[in-house]
Amino acid sequence: MKTREIILILIAAAFGGVAIVTWSGEEAANQRADKISKEATEARLKSVADIKALNDKAAKDSASAKKAADDAAASLAQTKADADKVVKQAVEVLAKAKEDAAKAAVKAAELEKAKADAANRVNELTAELARLRDGSELKEAIAKQKKAEADLEAASTALREANAATAKATARLAEVEEENRRLREQTKGTDNVSPNYRAL
């Protein structure tokens, strides 16, 4: 019950007491006044108790509200700290993602180049395999081998002929040297009156 309502009740009781005195006489008025006074005292005591209860409840509610406000402020501060932490982590994750994306782009370019090189190599191997299946390189190699064998045989023949010619020339040289030696032996002790004569 509010204080204003209590005051209005007391005023109404006072007016009621005046009316009773006027209408019922002094004794009845006194009895009525005592009753009203008692009721007013009880109402006042009840009002004081209600006011104390309201004050206690208000104090308790104020303390609860202060605690709730403090808790809310602490929770808000913690939430802000958590939000800042989440934002920082998100920024770091974003930076890492950008770095990884750049690395992935470089790697993708390298893989594309490797893929192109591999495709070129496959084409080369396919062409080489086709040539091997065709046998043109093998035929060319066999022809070269036959030509080399023929050239080797011709060289061997030429070497044999050269060795024979060398042996023949050596034998002829030996014959010439022997002839020269024999001629020198024959001319020793023979006088030659020719002015152009020179002993061997």
N, C-alpha and C. Protein backbone atom coordinates (compact mmCIF):
# COMPACT_ATOMS: atom_id res chain seq x y z
N MET A 1 0.86 -1.19 0.00
CA MET A 1 0.00 0.00 0.00
C MET A 1 0.89 1.23 0.00
N LYS A 2 0.54 2.21 -0.84
CA LYS A 2 1.35 3.40 -0.95
C LYS A 2 1.06 4.37 0.18
N THR A 3 2.06 5.26 0.45
CA THR A 3 1.92 6.25 1.54
C THR A 3 0.74 7.17 1.30
N ARG A 4 0.53 7.58 0.06
CA ARG A 4 -0.58 8.49 -0.26
C ARG A 4 -1.91 7.86 0.08
N GLU A 5 -2.04 6.58 -0.18
CA GLU A 5 -3.29 5.89 0.13
C GLU A 5 -3.52 5.81 1.64
N ILE A 6 -2.43 5.59 2.40
CA ILE A 6 -2.55 5.53 3.86
C ILE A 6 -3.02 6.86 4.42
N ILE A 7 -2.43 7.95 3.91
CA ILE A 7 -2.82 9.30 4.37
C ILE A 7 -4.28 9.57 4.07
N LEU A 8 -4.72 9.18 2.88
CA LEU A 8 -6.13 9.36 2.52
C LEU A 8 -7.05 8.58 3.43
N ILE A 9 -6.64 7.37 3.82
CA ILE A 9 -7.44 6.56 4.75
C ILE A 9 -7.55 7.25 6.10
N LEU A 10 -6.39 7.78 6.56
CA LEU A 10 -6.40 8.47 7.87
C LEU A 10 -7.30 9.69 7.84
N ILE A 11 -7.20 10.46 6.76
CA ILE A 11 -8.07 11.65 6.64
C ILE A 11 -9.53 11.24 6.60
N ALA A 12 -9.81 10.18 5.84
CA ALA A 12 -11.20 9.70 5.78
C ALA A 12 -11.68 9.25 7.15
N ALA A 13 -10.80 8.60 7.91
CA ALA A 13 -11.17 8.14 9.26
C ALA A 13 -11.45 9.32 10.17
N ALA A 14 -10.62 10.37 10.03
CA ALA A 14 -10.85 11.56 10.86
C ALA A 14 -12.19 12.20 10.55
N PHE A 15 -12.49 12.35 9.27
CA PHE A 15 -13.79 12.90 8.89
C PHE A 15 -14.92 12.01 9.36
N GLY A 16 -14.66 10.70 9.30
CA GLY A 16 -15.68 9.76 9.80
C GLY A 16 -15.93 9.93 11.29
N GLY A 17 -14.84 10.17 12.05
CA GLY A 17 -14.97 10.38 13.50
C GLY A 17 -15.77 11.62 13.80
N VAL A 18 -15.53 12.68 13.07
CA VAL A 18 -16.28 13.93 13.27
C VAL A 18 -17.77 13.70 13.01
N ALA A 19 -18.02 12.98 11.95
CA ALA A 19 -19.42 12.70 11.62
C ALA A 19 -20.10 11.88 12.70
N ILE A 20 -19.37 10.90 13.24
CA ILE A 20 -19.96 10.03 14.28
C ILE A 20 -20.27 10.85 15.54
N VAL A 21 -19.34 11.74 15.92
CA VAL A 21 -19.56 12.59 17.09
C VAL A 21 -20.80 13.44 16.91
N THR A 22 -20.92 13.93 15.69
CA THR A 22 -22.06 14.79 15.40
C THR A 22 -23.35 14.00 15.45
N TRP A 23 -23.35 12.80 14.90
CA TRP A 23 -24.60 12.05 14.75
C TRP A 23 -24.93 11.18 15.96
N SER A 24 -23.95 10.55 16.62
CA SER A 24 -24.23 9.52 17.61
C SER A 24 -24.04 9.99 19.05
N GLY A 25 -23.51 11.05 19.25
CA GLY A 25 -23.31 11.50 20.63
C GLY A 25 -21.87 11.31 21.03
N GLU A 26 -21.57 11.84 22.15
CA GLU A 26 -20.17 11.88 22.59
C GLU A 26 -19.62 10.51 22.91
N GLU A 27 -20.39 9.68 23.69
CA GLU A 27 -19.88 8.36 24.09
C GLU A 27 -19.70 7.47 22.88
N ALA A 28 -20.71 7.44 22.08
CA ALA A 28 -20.60 6.62 20.88
C ALA A 28 -19.49 7.13 19.99
N ALA A 29 -19.36 8.46 20.04
CA ALA A 29 -18.30 9.05 19.22
C ALA A 29 -16.94 8.65 19.74
N ASN A 30 -16.83 8.63 21.11
CA ASN A 30 -15.54 8.23 21.68
C ASN A 30 -15.23 6.78 21.34
N GLN A 31 -16.26 5.92 21.47
CA GLN A 31 -16.04 4.52 21.14
C GLN A 31 -15.65 4.37 19.66
N ARG A 32 -16.37 5.11 18.86
CA ARG A 32 -16.07 5.05 17.43
C ARG A 32 -14.70 5.63 17.14
N ALA A 33 -14.37 6.71 17.88
CA ALA A 33 -13.06 7.32 17.68
C ALA A 33 -11.94 6.37 18.12
N ASP A 34 -12.21 5.69 19.28
CA ASP A 34 -11.18 4.72 19.74
C ASP A 34 -10.99 3.62 18.71
N LYS A 35 -12.15 3.17 18.23
CA LYS A 35 -12.06 2.11 17.22
C LYS A 35 -11.31 2.59 15.98
N ILE A 36 -11.67 3.82 15.56
CA ILE A 36 -11.02 4.37 14.36
C ILE A 36 -9.55 4.60 14.63
N SER A 37 -9.27 5.10 15.90
CA SER A 37 -7.86 5.33 16.25
C SER A 37 -7.06 4.03 16.23
N LYS A 38 -7.77 2.99 16.83
CA LYS A 38 -7.10 1.68 16.84
C LYS A 38 -6.87 1.21 15.41
N GLU A 39 -7.93 1.36 14.58
CA GLU A 39 -7.78 0.93 13.19
C GLU A 39 -6.71 1.75 12.47
N ALA A 40 -6.69 3.07 12.82
CA ALA A 40 -5.69 3.92 12.20
C ALA A 40 -4.29 3.52 12.63
N THR A 41 -4.17 3.20 13.98
CA THR A 41 -2.85 2.76 14.48
C THR A 41 -2.43 1.47 13.79
N GLU A 42 -3.40 0.55 13.70
CA GLU A 42 -3.09 -0.72 13.03
C GLU A 42 -2.73 -0.48 11.56
N ALA A 43 -3.54 0.45 10.96
CA ALA A 43 -3.25 0.77 9.56
C ALA A 43 -1.88 1.42 9.42
N ARG A 44 -1.55 2.32 10.43
CA ARG A 44 -0.23 2.97 10.39
C ARG A 44 0.88 1.95 10.56
N LEU A 45 0.67 1.04 11.58
CA LEU A 45 1.69 0.00 11.80
C LEU A 45 1.84 -0.89 10.57
N LYS A 46 0.64 -1.22 10.04
CA LYS A 46 0.69 -2.05 8.82
C LYS A 46 1.36 -1.30 7.70
N SER A 47 1.04 0.03 7.63
CA SER A 47 1.66 0.84 6.59
C SER A 47 3.16 0.92 6.78
N VAL A 48 3.61 1.11 8.06
CA VAL A 48 5.05 1.14 8.35
C VAL A 48 5.70 -0.18 7.95
N ALA A 49 5.00 -1.30 8.34
CA ALA A 49 5.53 -2.62 7.99
C ALA A 49 5.60 -2.79 6.48
N ASP A 50 4.47 -2.31 5.82
CA ASP A 50 4.47 -2.41 4.35
C ASP A 50 5.58 -1.56 3.74
N ILE A 51 5.73 -0.32 4.33
CA ILE A 51 6.78 0.56 3.81
C ILE A 51 8.14 -0.07 4.03
N LYS A 52 8.36 -0.66 5.27
CA LYS A 52 9.65 -1.33 5.53
C LYS A 52 9.86 -2.49 4.57
N ALA A 53 8.78 -3.26 4.37
CA ALA A 53 8.89 -4.40 3.44
C ALA A 53 9.20 -3.92 2.03
N LEU A 54 8.47 -2.79 1.67
CA LEU A 54 8.73 -2.23 0.33
C LEU A 54 10.16 -1.72 0.22
N ASN A 55 10.62 -1.03 1.31
CA ASN A 55 12.01 -0.54 1.29
C ASN A 55 13.00 -1.69 1.22
N ASP A 56 12.71 -2.74 2.06
CA ASP A 56 13.61 -3.91 2.03
C ASP A 56 13.61 -4.55 0.64
N LYS A 57 12.37 -4.67 0.09
CA LYS A 57 12.28 -5.28 -1.25
C LYS A 57 12.97 -4.40 -2.28
N ALA A 58 12.78 -3.05 -2.13
CA ALA A 58 13.44 -2.14 -3.06
C ALA A 58 14.95 -2.23 -2.94
N ALA A 59 15.43 -2.31 -1.65
CA ALA A 59 16.88 -2.43 -1.44
C ALA A 59 17.39 -3.74 -2.04
N LYS A 60 16.59 -4.82 -1.77
CA LYS A 60 16.99 -6.12 -2.31
C LYS A 60 16.97 -6.09 -3.84
N ASP A 61 15.86 -5.48 -4.37
CA ASP A 61 15.77 -5.39 -5.84
C ASP A 61 16.90 -4.52 -6.39
N SER A 62 17.23 -3.44 -5.64
CA SER A 62 18.33 -2.58 -6.08
C SER A 62 19.65 -3.33 -6.08
N ALA A 63 19.86 -4.10 -4.98
CA ALA A 63 21.09 -4.90 -4.91
C ALA A 63 21.12 -5.93 -6.03
N SER A 64 19.94 -6.58 -6.23
CA SER A 64 19.87 -7.57 -7.31
C SER A 64 20.11 -6.91 -8.67
N ALA A 65 19.47 -5.71 -8.81
CA ALA A 65 19.65 -4.99 -10.07
C ALA A 65 21.10 -4.58 -10.26
N LYS A 66 21.74 -4.11 -9.16
CA LYS A 66 23.16 -3.73 -9.25
C LYS A 66 24.03 -4.93 -9.60
N LYS A 67 23.70 -6.07 -8.90
CA LYS A 67 24.46 -7.28 -9.20
C LYS A 67 24.23 -7.71 -10.65
N ALA A 68 22.94 -7.63 -11.06
CA ALA A 68 22.64 -8.00 -12.44
C ALA A 68 23.35 -7.06 -13.41
N ALA A 69 23.39 -5.75 -13.06
CA ALA A 69 24.08 -4.79 -13.92
C ALA A 69 25.58 -5.08 -13.96
N ASP A 70 26.14 -5.37 -12.74
CA ASP A 70 27.56 -5.72 -12.69
C ASP A 70 27.84 -6.98 -13.50
N ASP A 71 26.96 -7.98 -13.30
CA ASP A 71 27.14 -9.24 -14.05
C ASP A 71 27.01 -8.98 -15.56
N ALA A 72 26.01 -8.12 -15.90
CA ALA A 72 25.83 -7.81 -17.32
C ALA A 72 27.04 -7.08 -17.88
N ALA A 73 27.61 -6.13 -17.05
CA ALA A 73 28.79 -5.40 -17.50
C ALA A 73 29.97 -6.36 -17.68
N ALA A 74 30.13 -7.28 -16.68
CA ALA A 74 31.22 -8.25 -16.77
C ALA A 74 31.00 -9.17 -17.98
N SER A 75 29.72 -9.59 -18.14
CA SER A 75 29.42 -10.46 -19.28
C SER A 75 29.65 -9.72 -20.60
N LEU A 76 29.26 -8.40 -20.60
CA LEU A 76 29.49 -7.61 -21.81
C LEU A 76 30.98 -7.46 -22.10
N ALA A 77 31.76 -7.21 -21.02
CA ALA A 77 33.21 -7.09 -21.20
C ALA A 77 33.80 -8.40 -21.70
N GLN A 78 33.34 -9.52 -21.11
CA GLN A 78 33.82 -10.82 -21.54
C GLN A 78 33.40 -11.10 -22.99
N THR A 79 32.12 -10.73 -23.27
CA THR A 79 31.63 -10.92 -24.64
C THR A 79 32.44 -10.09 -25.63
N LYS A 80 32.74 -8.84 -25.23
CA LYS A 80 33.55 -7.97 -26.10
C LYS A 80 34.94 -8.56 -26.30
N ALA A 81 35.52 -9.06 -25.15
CA ALA A 81 36.86 -9.68 -25.27
C ALA A 81 36.80 -10.90 -26.16
N ASP A 82 35.74 -11.72 -25.96
CA ASP A 82 35.59 -12.91 -26.82
C ASP A 82 35.38 -12.50 -28.27
N ALA A 83 34.57 -11.44 -28.47
CA ALA A 83 34.34 -10.98 -29.84
C ALA A 83 35.63 -10.47 -30.47
N ASP A 84 36.42 -9.70 -29.68
CA ASP A 84 37.70 -9.21 -30.20
C ASP A 84 38.61 -10.38 -30.55
N LYS A 85 38.59 -11.40 -29.67
CA LYS A 85 39.42 -12.58 -29.92
C LYS A 85 38.97 -13.29 -31.18
N VAL A 86 37.63 -13.43 -31.32
CA VAL A 86 37.09 -14.09 -32.52
C VAL A 86 37.43 -13.30 -33.77
N VAL A 87 37.30 -11.95 -33.67
CA VAL A 87 37.63 -11.10 -34.83
C VAL A 87 39.11 -11.24 -35.19
N LYS A 88 39.97 -11.24 -34.16
CA LYS A 88 41.41 -11.39 -34.41
C LYS A 88 41.70 -12.72 -35.06
N GLN A 89 41.07 -13.79 -34.52
CA GLN A 89 41.28 -15.11 -35.11
C GLN A 89 40.75 -15.16 -36.53
N ALA A 90 39.58 -14.49 -36.76
CA ALA A 90 39.02 -14.48 -38.11
C ALA A 90 39.95 -13.75 -39.07
N VAL A 91 40.55 -12.63 -38.61
CA VAL A 91 41.49 -11.89 -39.46
C VAL A 91 42.71 -12.76 -39.77
N GLU A 92 43.22 -13.46 -38.74
CA GLU A 92 44.38 -14.33 -38.95
C GLU A 92 44.03 -15.46 -39.91
N VAL A 93 42.82 -16.06 -39.70
CA VAL A 93 42.39 -17.14 -40.59
C VAL A 93 42.24 -16.64 -42.02
N LEU A 94 41.69 -15.42 -42.17
CA LEU A 94 41.52 -14.84 -43.50
C LEU A 94 42.86 -14.60 -44.17
N ALA A 95 43.82 -14.05 -43.39
CA ALA A 95 45.16 -13.81 -43.94
C ALA A 95 45.81 -15.12 -44.36
N LYS A 96 45.66 -16.14 -43.48
CA LYS A 96 46.23 -17.46 -43.81
C LYS A 96 45.55 -18.04 -45.04
N ALA A 97 44.22 -17.86 -45.12
CA ALA A 97 43.49 -18.37 -46.29
C ALA A 97 43.96 -17.68 -47.57
N LYS A 98 44.19 -16.34 -47.49
CA LYS A 98 44.69 -15.62 -48.67
C LYS A 98 46.07 -16.12 -49.06
N GLU A 99 46.93 -16.32 -48.04
CA GLU A 99 48.29 -16.84 -48.33
C GLU A 99 48.21 -18.22 -48.95
N ASP A 100 47.36 -19.10 -48.37
CA ASP A 100 47.20 -20.45 -48.92
C ASP A 100 46.64 -20.39 -50.34
N ALA A 101 45.70 -19.44 -50.57
CA ALA A 101 45.12 -19.31 -51.92
C ALA A 101 46.18 -18.89 -52.93
N ALA A 102 47.07 -17.96 -52.51
CA ALA A 102 48.15 -17.52 -53.40
C ALA A 102 49.08 -18.70 -53.70
N LYS A 103 49.45 -19.45 -52.64
CA LYS A 103 50.31 -20.62 -52.84
C LYS A 103 49.63 -21.64 -53.75
N ALA A 104 48.33 -21.83 -53.52
CA ALA A 104 47.59 -22.79 -54.34
C ALA A 104 47.55 -22.35 -55.80
N ALA A 105 47.43 -21.03 -56.02
CA ALA A 105 47.43 -20.52 -57.39
C ALA A 105 48.77 -20.80 -58.08
N VAL A 106 49.87 -20.54 -57.33
CA VAL A 106 51.20 -20.82 -57.88
C VAL A 106 51.35 -22.32 -58.16
N LYS A 107 50.91 -23.14 -57.20
CA LYS A 107 50.99 -24.58 -57.37
C LYS A 107 50.16 -25.03 -58.56
N ALA A 108 48.96 -24.42 -58.71
CA ALA A 108 48.10 -24.78 -59.84
C ALA A 108 48.77 -24.44 -61.16
N ALA A 109 49.45 -23.27 -61.20
CA ALA A 109 50.17 -22.89 -62.42
C ALA A 109 51.29 -23.89 -62.71
N GLU A 110 52.01 -24.28 -61.65
CA GLU A 110 53.09 -25.27 -61.83
C GLU A 110 52.52 -26.60 -62.34
N LEU A 111 51.38 -27.00 -61.74
CA LEU A 111 50.77 -28.26 -62.17
C LEU A 111 50.28 -28.18 -63.62
N GLU A 112 49.75 -27.01 -64.00
CA GLU A 112 49.33 -26.84 -65.39
C GLU A 112 50.51 -26.96 -66.34
N LYS A 113 51.64 -26.34 -65.96
CA LYS A 113 52.84 -26.44 -66.79
C LYS A 113 53.33 -27.88 -66.86
N ALA A 114 53.34 -28.55 -65.68
CA ALA A 114 53.76 -29.95 -65.66
C ALA A 114 52.82 -30.81 -66.50
N LYS A 115 51.53 -30.48 -66.45
CA LYS A 115 50.56 -31.22 -67.25
C LYS A 115 50.84 -31.03 -68.74
N ALA A 116 51.11 -29.76 -69.13
CA ALA A 116 51.42 -29.48 -70.54
C ALA A 116 52.70 -30.20 -70.97
N ASP A 117 53.75 -30.15 -70.09
CA ASP A 117 55.00 -30.85 -70.40
C ASP A 117 54.76 -32.35 -70.54
N ALA A 118 53.94 -32.90 -69.62
CA ALA A 118 53.64 -34.33 -69.68
C ALA A 118 52.89 -34.68 -70.97
N ALA A 119 51.97 -33.79 -71.36
CA ALA A 119 51.23 -34.03 -72.61
C ALA A 119 52.17 -34.01 -73.81
N ASN A 120 53.11 -33.06 -73.82
CA ASN A 120 54.09 -33.00 -74.91
C ASN A 120 54.95 -34.26 -74.93
N ARG A 121 55.37 -34.71 -73.73
CA ARG A 121 56.20 -35.91 -73.66
C ARG A 121 55.43 -37.14 -74.13
N VAL A 122 54.13 -37.19 -73.75
CA VAL A 122 53.30 -38.31 -74.20
C VAL A 122 53.19 -38.29 -75.72
N ASN A 123 53.04 -37.09 -76.29
CA ASN A 123 52.98 -37.00 -77.75
C ASN A 123 54.28 -37.48 -78.39
N GLU A 124 55.42 -37.07 -77.78
CA GLU A 124 56.72 -37.52 -78.30
C GLU A 124 56.84 -39.04 -78.23
N LEU A 125 56.46 -39.60 -77.07
CA LEU A 125 56.56 -41.05 -76.90
C LEU A 125 55.61 -41.78 -77.86
N THR A 126 54.42 -41.17 -78.06
CA THR A 126 53.47 -41.78 -78.99
C THR A 126 54.05 -41.81 -80.41
N ALA A 127 54.66 -40.69 -80.80
CA ALA A 127 55.28 -40.63 -82.13
C ALA A 127 56.43 -41.63 -82.23
N GLU A 128 57.23 -41.70 -81.16
CA GLU A 128 58.35 -42.66 -81.17
C GLU A 128 57.85 -44.08 -81.24
N LEU A 129 56.78 -44.37 -80.48
CA LEU A 129 56.20 -45.71 -80.51
C LEU A 129 55.67 -46.04 -81.91
N ALA A 130 55.05 -45.02 -82.54
CA ALA A 130 54.55 -45.24 -83.90
C ALA A 130 55.70 -45.56 -84.85
N ARG A 131 56.81 -44.83 -84.68
CA ARG A 131 57.97 -45.11 -85.54
C ARG A 131 58.52 -46.50 -85.28
N LEU A 132 58.55 -46.89 -84.00
CA LEU A 132 59.04 -48.24 -83.68
C LEU A 132 58.14 -49.31 -84.26
N ARG A 133 56.83 -49.06 -84.16
CA ARG A 133 55.91 -50.03 -84.73
C ARG A 133 56.02 -50.08 -86.25
N ASP A 134 56.29 -48.92 -86.84
CA ASP A 134 56.45 -48.85 -88.29
C ASP A 134 57.71 -49.57 -88.74
N GLY A 135 58.74 -49.56 -87.89
CA GLY A 135 59.99 -50.25 -88.20
C GLY A 135 60.93 -49.43 -89.05
N SER A 136 60.60 -48.18 -89.34
CA SER A 136 61.44 -47.36 -90.21
C SER A 136 62.81 -47.11 -89.57
N GLU A 137 62.84 -46.84 -88.28
CA GLU A 137 64.13 -46.61 -87.62
C GLU A 137 64.95 -47.89 -87.59
N LEU A 138 64.28 -49.03 -87.34
CA LEU A 138 65.00 -50.30 -87.34
C LEU A 138 65.56 -50.61 -88.72
N LYS A 139 64.74 -50.35 -89.75
CA LYS A 139 65.23 -50.58 -91.11
C LYS A 139 66.42 -49.68 -91.42
N GLU A 140 66.30 -48.41 -90.99
CA GLU A 140 67.40 -47.48 -91.24
C GLU A 140 68.65 -47.93 -90.50
N ALA A 141 68.48 -48.41 -89.26
CA ALA A 141 69.64 -48.87 -88.48
C ALA A 141 70.27 -50.11 -89.12
N ILE A 142 69.42 -51.02 -89.63
CA ILE A 142 69.95 -52.22 -90.30
C ILE A 142 70.71 -51.83 -91.56
N ALA A 143 70.16 -50.86 -92.31
CA ALA A 143 70.84 -50.41 -93.52
C ALA A 143 72.19 -49.78 -93.17
N LYS A 144 72.20 -48.98 -92.12
CA LYS A 144 73.46 -48.36 -91.69
C LYS A 144 74.46 -49.43 -91.25
N GLN A 145 73.96 -50.45 -90.56
CA GLN A 145 74.85 -51.52 -90.11
C GLN A 145 75.44 -52.27 -91.31
N LYS A 146 74.58 -52.54 -92.31
CA LYS A 146 75.06 -53.24 -93.50
C LYS A 146 76.10 -52.39 -94.23
N LYS A 147 75.82 -51.09 -94.32
CA LYS A 147 76.77 -50.20 -95.00
C LYS A 147 78.08 -50.17 -94.23
N ALA A 148 77.98 -50.12 -92.89
CA ALA A 148 79.20 -50.10 -92.08
C ALA A 148 79.98 -51.40 -92.26
N GLU A 149 79.24 -52.53 -92.33
CA GLU A 149 79.93 -53.81 -92.54
C GLU A 149 80.61 -53.84 -93.90
N ALA A 150 79.90 -53.29 -94.92
CA ALA A 150 80.51 -53.24 -96.26
C ALA A 150 81.73 -52.34 -96.26
N ASP A 151 81.62 -51.17 -95.59
CA ASP A 151 82.75 -50.26 -95.51
C ASP A 151 83.91 -50.93 -94.76
N LEU A 152 83.58 -51.69 -93.71
CA LEU A 152 84.62 -52.38 -92.96
C LEU A 152 85.30 -53.44 -93.82
N GLU A 153 84.48 -54.16 -94.59
CA GLU A 153 85.06 -55.18 -95.48
C GLU A 153 85.96 -54.53 -96.53
N ALA A 154 85.48 -53.39 -97.10
CA ALA A 154 86.29 -52.69 -98.10
C ALA A 154 87.58 -52.18 -97.46
N ALA A 155 87.47 -51.68 -96.22
CA ALA A 155 88.67 -51.19 -95.54
C ALA A 155 89.62 -52.34 -95.26
N SER A 156 89.04 -53.50 -94.88
CA SER A 156 89.90 -54.67 -94.63
C SER A 156 90.61 -55.11 -95.89
N THR A 157 89.85 -55.09 -97.00
CA THR A 157 90.47 -55.46 -98.29
C THR A 157 91.57 -54.48 -98.66
N ALA A 158 91.28 -53.18 -98.49
CA ALA A 158 92.27 -52.16 -98.80
C ALA A 158 93.49 -52.32 -97.90
N LEU A 159 93.25 -52.67 -96.61
CA LEU A 159 94.37 -52.86 -95.69
C LEU A 159 95.22 -54.06 -96.12
N ARG A 160 94.52 -55.14 -96.51
CA ARG A 160 95.28 -56.30 -96.96
C ARG A 160 96.10 -55.97 -98.21
N GLU A 161 95.47 -55.24 -99.12
CA GLU A 161 96.20 -54.85 -100.34
C GLU A 161 97.37 -53.94 -99.99
N ALA A 162 97.12 -52.99 -99.05
CA ALA A 162 98.20 -52.10 -98.65
C ALA A 162 99.32 -52.87 -97.98
N ASN A 163 98.96 -53.87 -97.14
CA ASN A 163 99.99 -54.69 -96.49
C ASN A 163 100.79 -55.48 -97.53
N ALA A 164 100.07 -56.00 -98.53
CA ALA A 164 100.76 -56.75 -99.59
C ALA A 164 101.69 -55.83 -100.36
N ALA A 165 101.19 -54.60 -100.68
CA ALA A 165 102.03 -53.65 -101.40
C ALA A 165 103.22 -53.25 -100.56
N THR A 166 103.00 -53.08 -99.27
CA THR A 166 104.10 -52.73 -98.37
C THR A 166 105.13 -53.85 -98.33
N ALA A 167 104.62 -55.08 -98.23
CA ALA A 167 105.55 -56.23 -98.20
C ALA A 167 106.33 -56.31 -99.51
N LYS A 168 105.62 -56.06 -100.62
CA LYS A 168 106.29 -56.09 -101.92
C LYS A 168 107.32 -54.99 -102.03
N ALA A 169 106.95 -53.76 -101.55
CA ALA A 169 107.88 -52.64 -101.60
C ALA A 169 109.07 -52.91 -100.70
N THR A 170 108.81 -53.53 -99.54
CA THR A 170 109.90 -53.86 -98.62
C THR A 170 110.87 -54.84 -99.26
N ALA A 171 110.28 -55.84 -99.92
CA ALA A 171 111.12 -56.84 -100.58
C ALA A 171 111.93 -56.19 -101.71
N ARG A 172 111.26 -55.28 -102.45
CA ARG A 172 111.97 -54.59 -103.53
C ARG A 172 113.07 -53.71 -103.01
N LEU A 173 112.80 -53.03 -101.87
CA LEU A 173 113.81 -52.18 -101.25
C LEU A 173 115.00 -53.01 -100.81
N ALA A 174 114.68 -54.19 -100.25
CA ALA A 174 115.78 -55.07 -99.83
C ALA A 174 116.61 -55.50 -101.04
N GLU A 175 115.91 -55.78 -102.17
CA GLU A 175 116.62 -56.17 -103.38
C GLU A 175 117.50 -55.02 -103.88
N VAL A 176 116.96 -53.79 -103.86
CA VAL A 176 117.72 -52.63 -104.32
C VAL A 176 118.92 -52.39 -103.44
N GLU A 177 118.70 -52.51 -102.13
CA GLU A 177 119.84 -52.33 -101.22
C GLU A 177 120.91 -53.40 -101.45
N GLU A 178 120.44 -54.60 -101.67
CA GLU A 178 121.41 -55.68 -101.94
C GLU A 178 122.17 -55.42 -103.24
N GLU A 179 121.46 -54.94 -104.25
CA GLU A 179 122.09 -54.61 -105.54
C GLU A 179 123.10 -53.50 -105.37
N ASN A 180 122.75 -52.50 -104.60
CA ASN A 180 123.67 -51.39 -104.34
C ASN A 180 124.91 -51.89 -103.61
N ARG A 181 124.69 -52.74 -102.63
CA ARG A 181 125.83 -53.27 -101.90
C ARG A 181 126.74 -54.08 -102.83
N ARG A 182 126.13 -54.87 -103.67
CA ARG A 182 126.92 -55.69 -104.59
C ARG A 182 127.70 -54.82 -105.57
N LEU A 183 127.05 -53.75 -106.04
CA LEU A 183 127.73 -52.85 -106.96
C LEU A 183 128.89 -52.15 -106.28
N ARG A 184 128.71 -51.76 -105.02
CA ARG A 184 129.80 -51.10 -104.30
C ARG A 184 130.98 -52.07 -104.13
N GLU A 185 130.65 -53.33 -103.89
CA GLU A 185 131.71 -54.31 -103.73
C GLU A 185 132.50 -54.49 -105.04
N GLN A 186 131.77 -54.44 -106.14
CA GLN A 186 132.41 -54.64 -107.44
C GLN A 186 133.32 -53.47 -107.82
N THR A 187 132.93 -52.27 -107.41
CA THR A 187 133.67 -51.10 -107.84
C THR A 187 134.89 -50.82 -106.97
N LYS A 188 135.02 -51.50 -105.85
CA LYS A 188 136.18 -51.28 -105.01
C LYS A 188 137.45 -51.79 -105.73
N GLY A 189 138.51 -51.03 -105.71
CA GLY A 189 139.78 -51.42 -106.31
C GLY A 189 139.86 -51.20 -107.81
N THR A 190 138.80 -50.65 -108.41
CA THR A 190 138.80 -50.40 -109.85
C THR A 190 139.07 -48.93 -110.09
N ASP A 191 140.20 -48.65 -110.89
CA ASP A 191 140.53 -47.25 -111.17
C ASP A 191 139.68 -46.76 -112.33
N ASN A 192 139.23 -45.58 -112.18
CA ASN A 192 138.40 -44.98 -113.26
C ASN A 192 139.05 -43.63 -113.55
N VAL A 193 139.46 -43.45 -114.77
CA VAL A 193 140.15 -42.23 -115.15
C VAL A 193 139.19 -41.12 -115.50
N SER A 194 137.88 -41.39 -115.47
CA SER A 194 136.90 -40.37 -115.87
C SER A 194 136.86 -39.31 -114.81
N PRO A 195 136.87 -38.01 -115.27
CA PRO A 195 136.81 -36.93 -114.24
C PRO A 195 135.48 -36.91 -113.50
N ASN A 196 134.46 -37.56 -114.05
CA ASN A 196 133.15 -37.60 -113.37
C ASN A 196 132.97 -38.80 -112.50
N TYR A 197 133.97 -39.63 -112.39
CA TYR A 197 133.84 -40.86 -111.61
C TYR A 197 133.87 -40.54 -110.13
N ARG A 198 132.98 -41.18 -109.38
CA ARG A 198 132.96 -41.02 -107.92
C ARG A 198 132.66 -42.39 -107.35
N ALA A 199 133.57 -42.82 -106.49
CA ALA A 199 133.40 -44.17 -105.90
C ALA A 199 132.14 -44.22 -105.08
N LEU A 200 131.46 -45.34 -105.16
CA LEU A 200 130.22 -45.54 -104.37
C LEU A 200 130.59 -45.91 -102.94
